[in-house]
N, C-alpha and C. Protein backbone atom coordinates (compact mmCIF):
# COMPACT_ATOMS: atom_id res chain seq x y z
N MET A 1 43.56 27.71 66.71
CA MET A 1 42.50 28.28 67.55
C MET A 1 42.10 29.78 67.18
N GLU A 2 40.92 29.78 66.91
CA GLU A 2 40.88 31.00 66.71
C GLU A 2 39.53 31.54 67.55
N THR A 3 39.66 32.58 68.32
CA THR A 3 38.42 33.32 68.98
C THR A 3 37.93 34.42 68.55
N GLY A 4 36.43 34.40 68.50
CA GLY A 4 35.49 35.48 67.75
C GLY A 4 35.53 36.31 69.20
N LEU A 5 35.62 37.76 69.47
CA LEU A 5 35.08 38.36 70.45
C LEU A 5 33.95 39.21 70.10
N LEU A 6 32.86 38.57 70.56
CA LEU A 6 31.68 39.74 69.65
C LEU A 6 31.38 40.72 71.03
N GLY A 7 30.89 41.80 70.14
CA GLY A 7 30.44 43.02 70.88
C GLY A 7 29.44 42.71 71.96
N ASP A 8 28.54 44.03 72.15
CA ASP A 8 27.22 43.32 73.17
C ASP A 8 25.90 42.92 72.76
N ILE A 9 26.11 41.96 72.22
CA ILE A 9 25.19 41.26 71.38
C ILE A 9 24.48 40.66 72.24
N GLY A 10 22.74 40.21 72.40
CA GLY A 10 21.95 39.70 73.09
C GLY A 10 21.96 39.80 74.85
N ARG A 11 22.33 41.27 75.10
CA ARG A 11 22.63 41.59 76.31
C ARG A 11 20.90 42.15 76.31
N GLY A 12 20.47 42.53 77.80
CA GLY A 12 19.38 43.09 78.03
C GLY A 12 18.33 42.27 78.69
N ASN A 13 17.25 41.32 78.09
CA ASN A 13 16.46 40.59 78.67
C ASN A 13 16.92 39.42 79.09
N GLU A 14 18.05 39.11 78.22
CA GLU A 14 18.19 37.54 78.33
C GLU A 14 18.65 36.97 79.70
N LYS A 15 18.17 35.87 80.35
CA LYS A 15 18.71 35.73 81.58
C LYS A 15 20.30 34.89 81.84
N ASP A 16 20.99 34.98 82.88
CA ASP A 16 22.53 34.53 83.21
C ASP A 16 22.26 33.71 83.42
N LEU A 17 22.75 32.62 82.51
CA LEU A 17 22.63 31.40 83.54
C LEU A 17 23.87 30.86 84.19
N SER A 18 24.66 31.61 84.70
CA SER A 18 26.05 31.56 85.08
C SER A 18 25.66 31.74 86.55
N ASP A 19 26.08 30.65 87.30
CA ASP A 19 26.00 31.13 88.96
C ASP A 19 26.99 31.76 89.69
N ASN A 20 27.83 32.24 89.12
CA ASN A 20 28.83 33.12 89.59
C ASN A 20 29.02 34.33 88.39
N ASN A 21 28.28 35.22 88.52
CA ASN A 21 28.10 36.39 87.79
C ASN A 21 29.08 37.56 88.34
N MET A 22 29.68 37.83 87.28
CA MET A 22 31.30 38.65 87.75
C MET A 22 30.69 39.95 87.88
N ALA A 23 29.56 40.11 87.25
CA ALA A 23 29.13 41.54 87.19
C ALA A 23 28.79 42.35 88.15
N ASN A 24 28.13 40.90 88.96
CA ASN A 24 27.27 41.72 90.39
C ASN A 24 27.75 41.86 91.50
N LEU A 25 29.13 42.86 91.39
CA LEU A 25 29.56 42.72 92.65
C LEU A 25 28.47 43.58 93.80
N THR A 26 29.10 43.30 94.96
CA THR A 26 28.32 43.67 96.39
C THR A 26 29.89 44.59 96.72
N PRO A 27 29.01 45.66 96.83
CA PRO A 27 29.61 47.04 97.39
C PRO A 27 29.80 47.09 98.70
N GLU A 28 30.00 46.41 99.87
CA GLU A 28 29.96 46.70 101.19
C GLU A 28 31.13 46.52 101.72
N PHE A 29 31.99 45.49 101.10
CA PHE A 29 33.29 45.02 101.36
C PHE A 29 34.28 46.11 100.60
N TYR A 30 35.11 46.16 101.29
CA TYR A 30 36.33 46.91 100.52
C TYR A 30 37.64 46.17 101.02
N VAL A 31 38.55 45.51 100.46
CA VAL A 31 39.93 44.96 100.68
C VAL A 31 40.86 45.92 101.30
N ASP A 32 40.80 47.30 100.62
CA ASP A 32 41.61 48.22 101.28
C ASP A 32 41.27 48.69 102.81
N ASP A 33 40.16 49.24 102.92
CA ASP A 33 39.33 49.40 104.39
C ASP A 33 39.72 47.83 105.45
N TYR A 34 39.60 46.34 104.36
CA TYR A 34 39.89 45.56 105.42
C TYR A 34 41.35 45.68 105.99
N LEU A 35 42.22 46.06 105.07
CA LEU A 35 43.40 45.85 105.42
C LEU A 35 44.07 46.24 106.24
N LYS A 36 43.61 47.89 106.03
CA LYS A 36 43.62 48.86 107.21
C LYS A 36 43.55 48.45 108.71
N ASN A 37 42.14 48.02 108.84
CA ASN A 37 41.51 47.32 110.21
C ASN A 37 42.72 45.88 110.52
N ILE A 38 43.30 45.15 109.78
CA ILE A 38 43.65 44.10 110.39
C ILE A 38 45.50 44.49 109.95
N LYS A 39 46.00 45.55 110.10
CA LYS A 39 47.05 45.96 109.59
C LYS A 39 48.05 45.48 110.77
N GLY A 40 49.10 45.05 110.98
CA GLY A 40 50.10 44.21 112.33
C GLY A 40 49.33 43.49 112.90
N LYS A 41 48.39 42.63 112.39
CA LYS A 41 47.71 41.59 112.54
C LYS A 41 48.64 40.03 111.96
N ASN A 42 48.64 39.30 112.67
CA ASN A 42 49.06 37.96 112.01
C ASN A 42 48.17 36.95 111.21
N GLU A 43 47.01 36.96 111.88
CA GLU A 43 45.91 36.07 111.90
C GLU A 43 45.64 35.93 110.62
N SER A 44 44.79 35.10 109.78
CA SER A 44 44.66 34.85 108.53
C SER A 44 43.29 35.43 108.22
N ILE A 45 43.28 36.37 107.30
CA ILE A 45 41.99 37.13 106.69
C ILE A 45 41.30 36.04 106.21
N LYS A 46 39.73 36.28 106.41
CA LYS A 46 38.57 35.08 106.65
C LYS A 46 37.76 36.15 105.22
N PRO A 47 37.27 35.94 104.36
CA PRO A 47 36.12 36.65 103.77
C PRO A 47 35.35 37.03 104.87
N ALA A 48 34.11 38.04 104.54
CA ALA A 48 33.20 38.17 105.49
C ALA A 48 31.93 37.08 104.92
N SER A 49 31.01 36.72 105.72
CA SER A 49 29.88 35.61 105.79
C SER A 49 29.39 36.08 104.81
N SER A 50 29.01 37.32 104.63
CA SER A 50 27.79 37.45 103.77
C SER A 50 28.06 37.77 102.13
N LEU A 51 29.59 37.58 101.69
CA LEU A 51 29.78 37.59 100.61
C LEU A 51 30.02 36.11 99.97
N SER A 52 29.91 35.87 98.62
CA SER A 52 30.11 34.74 98.11
C SER A 52 31.57 34.56 97.53
N GLU A 53 32.04 33.70 97.67
CA GLU A 53 33.77 33.48 97.07
C GLU A 53 33.97 34.33 95.99
N MET A 54 32.98 34.25 94.87
CA MET A 54 33.72 35.07 93.74
C MET A 54 33.01 36.58 94.18
N ASP A 55 32.49 36.90 95.02
CA ASP A 55 32.11 38.34 95.35
C ASP A 55 33.93 38.88 96.03
N VAL A 56 34.02 37.86 96.94
CA VAL A 56 35.78 38.10 97.71
C VAL A 56 36.67 38.41 96.73
N PHE A 57 36.66 37.69 95.76
CA PHE A 57 37.63 37.68 94.67
C PHE A 57 37.68 38.82 93.61
N MET A 58 36.35 39.18 93.63
CA MET A 58 36.21 40.15 92.96
C MET A 58 36.79 41.39 93.50
N ASN A 59 36.41 41.57 94.61
CA ASN A 59 36.44 42.59 95.48
C ASN A 59 38.54 42.83 95.76
N LEU A 60 39.05 41.69 95.67
CA LEU A 60 40.11 41.48 95.56
C LEU A 60 40.92 42.10 94.20
N CYS A 61 40.17 41.94 92.95
CA CYS A 61 41.04 41.82 91.94
C CYS A 61 40.90 43.60 92.06
N GLN A 62 39.56 44.42 92.55
CA GLN A 62 39.85 45.76 92.37
C GLN A 62 40.51 46.76 93.33
N ALA A 63 40.60 45.65 94.32
CA ALA A 63 41.73 46.21 95.11
C ALA A 63 43.10 46.55 94.96
N VAL A 64 43.92 45.28 94.34
CA VAL A 64 44.74 45.25 93.80
C VAL A 64 44.98 45.95 92.36
N GLN A 65 43.94 46.35 91.25
CA GLN A 65 43.71 46.99 90.34
C GLN A 65 44.14 48.52 90.93
N SER A 66 43.34 48.97 91.95
CA SER A 66 43.50 50.48 92.49
C SER A 66 44.56 50.66 92.68
N HIS A 67 45.76 49.55 93.90
CA HIS A 67 46.41 49.80 94.23
C HIS A 67 47.84 50.49 93.56
N PHE A 68 47.64 49.64 92.26
CA PHE A 68 48.77 49.32 91.02
C PHE A 68 48.75 51.11 90.17
N GLU A 69 47.44 51.20 90.02
CA GLU A 69 46.70 52.37 89.04
C GLU A 69 47.68 53.67 89.80
N LYS A 70 46.84 53.40 91.23
CA LYS A 70 47.46 54.66 92.02
C LYS A 70 48.90 55.19 92.44
N GLN A 71 49.30 53.81 92.36
CA GLN A 71 50.76 54.14 92.38
C GLN A 71 51.51 54.13 91.24
N TRP A 72 51.08 53.85 90.14
CA TRP A 72 51.47 54.38 88.77
C TRP A 72 51.46 55.43 88.67
N LYS A 73 50.40 56.17 88.78
CA LYS A 73 50.02 57.26 88.73
C LYS A 73 50.33 58.61 89.44
N GLU A 74 50.95 58.22 90.66
CA GLU A 74 51.95 58.87 91.57
C GLU A 74 52.95 59.24 90.93
N SER A 75 53.53 57.83 90.45
CA SER A 75 54.98 57.77 89.62
C SER A 75 55.34 58.87 88.68
N GLY A 76 53.98 59.01 87.70
CA GLY A 76 53.95 59.92 86.70
C GLY A 76 54.61 59.37 85.41
N GLY A 77 53.87 59.26 84.51
CA GLY A 77 54.45 58.95 82.82
C GLY A 77 54.54 57.74 82.67
N GLN A 78 54.05 56.94 83.70
CA GLN A 78 53.77 55.27 83.66
C GLN A 78 52.68 54.84 83.01
N GLU A 79 51.37 55.81 82.67
CA GLU A 79 50.75 55.08 82.19
C GLU A 79 50.76 54.51 81.00
N GLN A 80 51.42 54.96 79.94
CA GLN A 80 52.16 54.34 78.14
C GLN A 80 52.49 53.44 78.64
N LYS A 81 53.80 53.22 79.39
CA LYS A 81 54.56 52.10 79.86
C LYS A 81 53.88 50.85 80.10
N ILE A 82 52.87 51.47 81.33
CA ILE A 82 52.39 50.02 81.86
C ILE A 82 51.33 49.56 80.98
N LEU A 83 50.39 50.38 79.79
CA LEU A 83 49.68 49.99 78.80
C LEU A 83 50.53 48.87 77.86
N GLU A 84 51.67 49.51 77.38
CA GLU A 84 52.29 48.67 76.63
C GLU A 84 52.67 47.52 77.08
N ARG A 85 53.08 47.70 78.56
CA ARG A 85 53.38 46.24 79.25
C ARG A 85 52.40 45.16 79.29
N GLN A 86 50.77 45.52 79.45
CA GLN A 86 49.79 44.86 79.11
C GLN A 86 49.51 44.55 78.26
N THR A 87 49.71 45.04 76.70
CA THR A 87 49.34 44.78 75.68
C THR A 87 49.92 43.07 75.48
N LYS A 88 51.55 43.14 76.19
CA LYS A 88 52.28 42.05 75.51
C LYS A 88 52.17 41.16 76.30
N ALA A 89 51.63 41.53 77.50
CA ALA A 89 51.24 40.33 78.86
C ALA A 89 49.87 39.72 78.05
N ILE A 90 48.98 40.12 77.68
CA ILE A 90 47.54 39.76 77.10
C ILE A 90 47.83 38.64 76.36
N ILE A 91 48.63 38.76 74.92
CA ILE A 91 49.23 37.97 73.84
C ILE A 91 50.68 36.68 74.56
N GLY A 92 50.80 37.06 76.17
CA GLY A 92 51.53 36.03 76.72
C GLY A 92 52.77 36.18 76.36
N ILE A 93 53.37 37.47 76.29
CA ILE A 93 55.06 37.01 76.08
C ILE A 93 55.29 37.12 77.66
N PRO A 94 56.24 36.30 78.03
CA PRO A 94 56.32 35.59 79.49
C PRO A 94 56.97 36.88 80.41
N ASP A 95 57.67 37.72 79.97
CA ASP A 95 58.91 38.55 80.57
C ASP A 95 57.16 39.65 80.71
N ASN A 96 56.49 39.71 80.56
CA ASN A 96 55.46 40.96 80.79
C ASN A 96 54.55 40.28 81.69
N VAL A 97 54.11 38.86 81.47
CA VAL A 97 53.27 38.55 82.13
C VAL A 97 53.77 38.13 83.46
N ASN A 98 54.98 37.79 83.61
CA ASN A 98 55.78 37.64 85.02
C ASN A 98 55.71 39.08 85.96
N TYR A 99 56.01 40.26 85.14
CA TYR A 99 55.89 41.34 85.37
C TYR A 99 54.76 41.71 86.58
N PHE A 100 53.64 41.84 85.69
CA PHE A 100 51.88 41.89 86.40
C PHE A 100 52.64 40.66 87.78
N LYS A 101 52.51 39.16 87.08
CA LYS A 101 51.92 38.48 88.40
C LYS A 101 53.36 39.01 89.77
N ASP A 102 54.45 38.84 89.43
CA ASP A 102 55.33 39.36 90.35
C ASP A 102 54.90 40.35 91.27
N LEU A 103 54.39 41.48 90.67
CA LEU A 103 53.73 42.65 91.43
C LEU A 103 52.46 42.27 92.54
N ILE A 104 51.44 41.25 91.99
CA ILE A 104 50.20 40.44 92.23
C ILE A 104 50.75 39.37 93.71
N TYR A 105 51.71 38.68 93.39
CA TYR A 105 52.19 38.11 94.49
C TYR A 105 52.72 38.57 95.66
N LYS A 106 53.70 40.06 95.04
CA LYS A 106 54.34 40.40 96.44
C LYS A 106 53.30 41.31 96.95
N PHE A 107 52.10 41.87 96.41
CA PHE A 107 50.90 42.74 97.35
C PHE A 107 50.35 41.59 97.96
N LEU A 108 50.19 40.27 97.66
CA LEU A 108 49.22 39.51 98.39
C LEU A 108 50.22 38.97 99.62
N ASP A 109 51.36 38.58 99.33
CA ASP A 109 52.16 37.80 100.41
C ASP A 109 52.16 39.10 101.52
N LYS A 110 52.46 40.26 101.16
CA LYS A 110 52.61 41.28 102.25
C LYS A 110 51.19 41.83 103.28
N ASN A 111 50.25 41.58 102.42
CA ASN A 111 49.19 41.69 103.11
C ASN A 111 48.12 40.26 103.43
N ASN A 112 49.22 39.04 103.74
CA ASN A 112 48.58 38.05 103.80
C ASN A 112 47.45 37.56 103.49
N LEU A 113 47.11 37.94 101.65
CA LEU A 113 45.88 37.79 101.27
C LEU A 113 46.29 36.42 100.53
N LEU A 114 47.53 35.19 100.51
CA LEU A 114 47.60 34.70 99.60
C LEU A 114 46.47 33.37 99.39
N ASN A 115 45.60 33.36 100.97
CA ASN A 115 45.11 32.19 100.90
C ASN A 115 43.27 32.44 100.38
N TYR A 116 42.91 33.40 99.80
CA TYR A 116 41.75 33.99 99.62
C TYR A 116 41.37 32.94 98.50
N PRO A 117 40.25 33.11 97.88
CA PRO A 117 39.43 31.96 97.51
C PRO A 117 39.68 32.44 95.90
N TYR A 118 39.49 31.71 94.84
CA TYR A 118 39.64 31.98 93.59
C TYR A 118 39.02 30.96 92.56
N PRO A 119 38.44 31.31 91.24
CA PRO A 119 37.25 30.58 90.39
C PRO A 119 38.09 29.81 89.90
N CYS A 120 37.13 28.33 89.84
CA CYS A 120 38.18 27.17 89.58
C CYS A 120 38.43 27.06 88.02
N TRP A 121 38.50 27.63 87.08
CA TRP A 121 38.74 28.26 85.67
C TRP A 121 40.52 28.46 85.63
N TYR A 122 40.52 29.00 86.98
CA TYR A 122 42.08 30.02 86.88
C TYR A 122 43.12 28.86 87.45
N ARG A 123 44.63 29.23 87.40
CA ARG A 123 45.84 28.50 87.78
C ARG A 123 45.84 28.68 89.23
N SER A 124 45.54 29.76 89.51
CA SER A 124 46.04 29.80 91.06
C SER A 124 45.36 31.91 91.27
N LEU A 125 45.12 31.50 92.83
CA LEU A 125 45.22 33.07 93.00
C LEU A 125 45.70 34.18 91.90
N VAL A 126 46.76 34.24 91.99
CA VAL A 126 47.72 35.04 91.34
C VAL A 126 47.35 35.00 89.47
N ASP A 127 47.20 33.61 88.92
CA ASP A 127 47.17 33.77 87.82
C ASP A 127 45.23 34.27 87.65
N GLY A 128 44.60 34.26 88.77
CA GLY A 128 43.26 34.69 88.44
C GLY A 128 43.27 36.02 88.40
N ILE A 129 43.64 36.55 89.28
CA ILE A 129 44.06 37.76 89.75
C ILE A 129 44.37 38.67 88.37
N PHE A 130 45.55 38.12 87.71
CA PHE A 130 46.25 38.79 86.63
C PHE A 130 45.30 38.50 85.45
N HIS A 131 44.84 37.69 85.61
CA HIS A 131 43.62 37.63 84.25
C HIS A 131 42.28 38.43 83.88
N GLU A 132 41.97 39.02 85.31
CA GLU A 132 40.55 39.61 85.63
C GLU A 132 41.24 41.19 85.10
N VAL A 133 42.48 41.18 85.87
CA VAL A 133 42.85 42.79 85.76
C VAL A 133 43.63 43.24 84.39
N TRP A 134 44.68 42.47 84.11
CA TRP A 134 45.29 42.78 82.63
C TRP A 134 45.09 41.79 81.88
N GLY A 135 44.68 40.61 81.96
CA GLY A 135 45.07 39.48 81.12
C GLY A 135 43.71 39.49 80.23
N LEU A 136 43.80 38.01 79.88
CA LEU A 136 42.33 37.95 79.06
C LEU A 136 41.12 37.24 79.71
N ALA A 137 41.04 37.69 81.03
CA ALA A 137 39.82 37.42 82.10
C ALA A 137 39.73 36.51 81.95
N GLY A 138 38.01 35.65 81.75
CA GLY A 138 37.55 34.50 81.64
C GLY A 138 37.90 33.35 80.17
N ILE A 139 38.05 34.19 79.67
CA ILE A 139 38.50 32.89 78.09
C ILE A 139 40.24 32.91 78.27
N SER A 140 40.79 33.05 79.29
CA SER A 140 42.13 32.42 79.42
C SER A 140 42.05 31.08 79.15
N ALA A 141 41.21 31.00 80.10
CA ALA A 141 41.14 28.60 80.23
C ALA A 141 41.23 28.29 78.69
N TRP A 142 40.53 29.26 77.87
CA TRP A 142 40.80 28.90 76.64
C TRP A 142 41.99 28.37 75.85
N ILE A 143 43.16 29.24 76.28
CA ILE A 143 43.84 29.09 75.78
C ILE A 143 44.79 27.62 76.04
N ASP A 144 44.56 27.02 77.31
CA ASP A 144 44.78 25.78 77.74
C ASP A 144 44.02 24.76 77.48
N MET A 145 43.32 24.66 75.95
CA MET A 145 42.39 23.95 75.60
C MET A 145 43.08 23.68 74.50
N PRO A 146 43.59 23.39 73.73
CA PRO A 146 43.85 22.69 72.40
C PRO A 146 42.97 22.09 71.42
N GLU A 147 41.87 21.24 72.08
CA GLU A 147 41.63 20.72 71.22
C GLU A 147 39.88 21.71 70.88
N SER A 148 40.18 22.52 71.34
CA SER A 148 38.93 23.52 71.09
C SER A 148 39.47 24.43 69.86
N SER A 149 38.54 24.72 68.88
CA SER A 149 39.41 25.68 67.85
C SER A 149 38.41 26.87 68.10
N SER A 150 37.41 27.39 68.61
CA SER A 150 37.32 28.40 69.30
C SER A 150 36.29 28.82 70.29
N ALA A 151 36.56 30.06 70.40
CA ALA A 151 35.36 30.47 71.91
C ALA A 151 34.89 32.09 71.21
N LYS A 152 33.89 32.30 71.97
CA LYS A 152 33.30 33.67 71.40
C LYS A 152 32.61 34.33 72.94
N ILE A 153 33.06 35.48 72.85
CA ILE A 153 31.87 35.93 73.96
C ILE A 153 30.97 36.79 72.96
N ILE A 154 29.42 36.64 73.96
CA ILE A 154 28.39 37.16 73.04
C ILE A 154 27.63 37.79 74.63
N GLY A 155 27.39 39.16 74.51
CA GLY A 155 27.30 40.19 76.04
C GLY A 155 28.11 39.57 76.85
N GLU A 156 27.75 38.95 78.03
CA GLU A 156 28.68 38.46 79.15
C GLU A 156 29.06 37.18 79.29
N ARG A 157 28.66 36.29 78.26
CA ARG A 157 28.91 35.09 78.34
C ARG A 157 30.06 34.37 77.37
N ILE A 158 30.06 33.59 78.14
CA ILE A 158 31.75 33.10 77.04
C ILE A 158 31.34 31.54 76.65
N TYR A 159 31.63 31.39 75.57
CA TYR A 159 31.40 29.81 74.96
C TYR A 159 32.54 29.10 74.79
N PHE A 160 32.83 27.93 74.63
CA PHE A 160 33.64 27.36 73.91
C PHE A 160 33.47 26.50 73.18
N MET A 161 34.11 26.09 71.83
CA MET A 161 33.89 25.55 71.28
C MET A 161 34.32 24.02 71.73
N ILE A 162 33.44 22.82 72.19
CA ILE A 162 33.82 21.77 72.29
C ILE A 162 32.92 20.26 72.07
N ASP A 163 33.63 19.46 71.72
CA ASP A 163 32.78 18.66 70.51
C ASP A 163 31.80 18.91 69.56
N GLY A 164 32.64 19.91 68.99
CA GLY A 164 32.11 20.58 67.80
C GLY A 164 30.63 21.23 68.15
N LYS A 165 30.34 21.54 69.79
CA LYS A 165 29.42 22.34 70.06
C LYS A 165 29.90 23.51 70.61
N MET A 166 29.45 24.90 70.33
CA MET A 166 29.56 25.96 71.26
C MET A 166 29.09 25.64 72.78
N VAL A 167 29.32 25.79 74.06
CA VAL A 167 29.12 25.34 75.09
C VAL A 167 29.38 26.50 75.80
N LEU A 168 27.98 26.82 76.52
CA LEU A 168 28.05 28.23 77.55
C LEU A 168 29.19 27.51 78.91
N GLN A 169 29.79 28.31 79.35
CA GLN A 169 31.04 28.34 80.30
C GLN A 169 30.09 29.14 81.74
N GLU A 170 30.98 28.53 82.95
CA GLU A 170 30.36 29.29 84.05
C GLU A 170 31.20 30.66 83.73
N GLN A 171 31.59 30.79 83.76
CA GLN A 171 32.51 32.23 83.70
C GLN A 171 31.80 33.81 82.94
N THR A 172 31.90 34.78 83.10
CA THR A 172 31.51 35.53 82.46
C THR A 172 32.41 36.98 82.56
N ILE A 173 32.27 37.81 81.30
CA ILE A 173 33.23 38.89 81.52
C ILE A 173 31.70 40.04 80.81
N THR A 174 32.50 41.40 82.16
CA THR A 174 31.35 42.20 81.81
C THR A 174 31.76 43.16 80.73
N SER A 175 30.80 44.02 80.31
CA SER A 175 30.67 44.78 78.72
C SER A 175 32.23 45.85 78.99
N SER A 176 32.18 46.18 80.13
CA SER A 176 33.70 47.36 80.47
C SER A 176 34.79 46.78 80.31
N ARG A 177 34.63 45.09 81.01
CA ARG A 177 36.16 44.71 80.74
C ARG A 177 36.54 43.89 79.65
N PHE A 178 35.46 43.64 78.64
CA PHE A 178 35.71 43.13 76.90
C PHE A 178 36.03 44.37 76.51
N GLY A 179 35.28 45.28 76.86
CA GLY A 179 36.01 46.99 75.93
C GLY A 179 37.27 47.13 76.34
N ALA A 180 37.76 47.45 77.67
CA ALA A 180 39.27 47.17 78.06
C ALA A 180 40.27 46.13 77.48
N LEU A 181 39.65 44.87 77.36
CA LEU A 181 40.88 43.91 76.72
C LEU A 181 40.73 44.28 75.39
N LYS A 182 39.60 44.61 74.38
CA LYS A 182 39.42 44.74 73.13
C LYS A 182 40.81 45.70 72.22
N LYS A 183 40.45 47.28 73.29
CA LYS A 183 41.30 48.40 73.16
C LYS A 183 42.70 47.85 73.48
N ALA A 184 43.46 46.88 74.86
CA ALA A 184 44.22 46.68 74.73
C ALA A 184 45.17 45.81 73.08
N LEU A 185 43.90 44.81 72.89
CA LEU A 185 44.26 44.19 71.83
C LEU A 185 44.33 44.71 70.42
N LEU A 186 43.88 45.81 70.55
CA LEU A 186 43.77 46.69 69.15
C LEU A 186 45.58 47.59 69.28
N LEU A 187 45.50 47.68 69.83
CA LEU A 187 46.79 48.47 70.39
C LEU A 187 47.43 47.54 69.39
N LEU A 188 48.05 46.12 69.20
CA LEU A 188 48.83 45.45 68.23
C LEU A 188 48.78 46.18 67.03
N THR A 189 47.56 46.72 66.47
CA THR A 189 47.26 46.81 65.02
C THR A 189 47.22 48.20 65.05
N PRO A 190 47.54 49.37 65.36
CA PRO A 190 46.97 50.38 65.10
C PRO A 190 46.91 50.94 63.76
N GLU A 191 47.00 50.37 62.80
CA GLU A 191 47.32 50.93 61.29
C GLU A 191 45.67 50.47 60.78
N ILE A 192 44.75 49.36 61.41
CA ILE A 192 43.88 48.75 60.68
C ILE A 192 42.74 48.81 61.91
N SER A 193 43.30 49.14 63.37
CA SER A 193 42.26 49.06 64.09
C SER A 193 40.56 49.95 63.79
N GLN A 194 40.93 51.25 63.14
CA GLN A 194 39.82 51.66 62.90
C GLN A 194 39.32 51.49 61.12
N ALA A 195 40.11 50.23 60.54
CA ALA A 195 39.49 50.65 59.20
C ALA A 195 38.52 49.03 58.71
N ARG A 196 39.31 48.34 59.89
CA ARG A 196 38.20 47.07 59.60
C ARG A 196 37.73 46.06 61.12
N SER A 197 36.59 45.97 60.56
CA SER A 197 35.38 45.36 61.68
C SER A 197 35.87 44.13 62.44
N ASN A 198 36.87 43.02 61.52
CA ASN A 198 37.62 41.97 61.86
C ASN A 198 39.18 42.06 62.28
N ILE A 199 39.24 42.02 63.08
CA ILE A 199 41.18 41.96 63.48
C ILE A 199 41.42 41.11 64.13
N GLU A 200 42.75 40.50 63.24
CA GLU A 200 43.26 38.99 64.12
C GLU A 200 44.69 39.47 64.85
N VAL A 201 44.69 38.89 65.96
CA VAL A 201 45.88 39.20 67.10
C VAL A 201 46.33 37.83 66.89
N LEU A 202 47.89 37.66 66.83
CA LEU A 202 48.61 36.50 67.11
C LEU A 202 48.93 36.50 68.39
N MET A 203 48.42 35.18 69.14
CA MET A 203 49.05 34.94 70.62
C MET A 203 50.78 34.89 70.46
N HIS A 204 51.35 34.79 71.31
CA HIS A 204 52.89 34.45 71.50
C HIS A 204 52.43 33.00 71.84
N SER A 205 51.91 32.19 71.82
CA SER A 205 51.66 30.99 71.78
C SER A 205 51.36 30.06 70.92
N GLY A 206 51.08 31.12 69.48
CA GLY A 206 50.54 30.44 68.08
C GLY A 206 49.24 30.94 68.14
N GLU A 207 48.28 30.73 68.92
CA GLU A 207 47.00 30.78 68.76
C GLU A 207 46.43 32.58 67.93
N ARG A 208 45.65 32.40 67.21
CA ARG A 208 45.08 33.27 66.15
C ARG A 208 43.61 34.01 67.18
N VAL A 209 43.99 35.20 67.27
CA VAL A 209 42.54 35.71 68.14
C VAL A 209 41.91 36.67 67.43
N THR A 210 40.88 36.55 66.82
CA THR A 210 40.26 37.17 66.36
C THR A 210 38.85 38.12 66.49
N ILE A 211 38.73 39.35 66.77
CA ILE A 211 37.92 40.26 67.29
C ILE A 211 36.79 41.01 66.24
N TYR A 212 35.53 40.47 66.66
CA TYR A 212 34.59 40.97 65.65
C TYR A 212 33.88 42.03 65.93
N ASP A 213 33.78 43.35 65.58
CA ASP A 213 33.46 44.28 66.22
C ASP A 213 32.02 44.68 65.46
N SER A 214 31.07 44.17 66.91
CA SER A 214 29.66 44.20 66.23
C SER A 214 28.86 46.00 66.45
């Protein structure tokens, strides 16, 4: 299978057809502050009623990312090592995927957050956080669709080839997340990343991902 990841094409005046736009996060709720308020309590954590389940999930992703990035920064000299792990995790190398998922699970378990909601296109809460923060984001579902020959990102929209047609998916990806994903994938081909507009990456499972630099 092959996926073309396109740059910010078609953004601006286009109407977002997704009901759950990951880009529009509500800033009023912060998981880190919430954890401080409920520290020492055994009650289950419930999302703020004013937020959608997608907002709650994305805020949790941000909290997990901030927690570990702060931890790695304080330990010193970990940035490059973590980036290399992330690159290998993105292409599906099991040891590296499990490294991040184990970190996420332990964080959620310690803070009584394992019952938080997550989008239906992910296998689990841990899987969803991994892909949103360090993995393939919303296109990860395509890896589990062997019948689909390709996937594309146009602006913030994600399309999968289904029955010969490009079908718009419910999930979206922000331009900043796409940029981070592209940067990590290009680390696999440093000798050609600046010289070619189309870069092909071979996933651990055998799929070929082509990045189209618009």
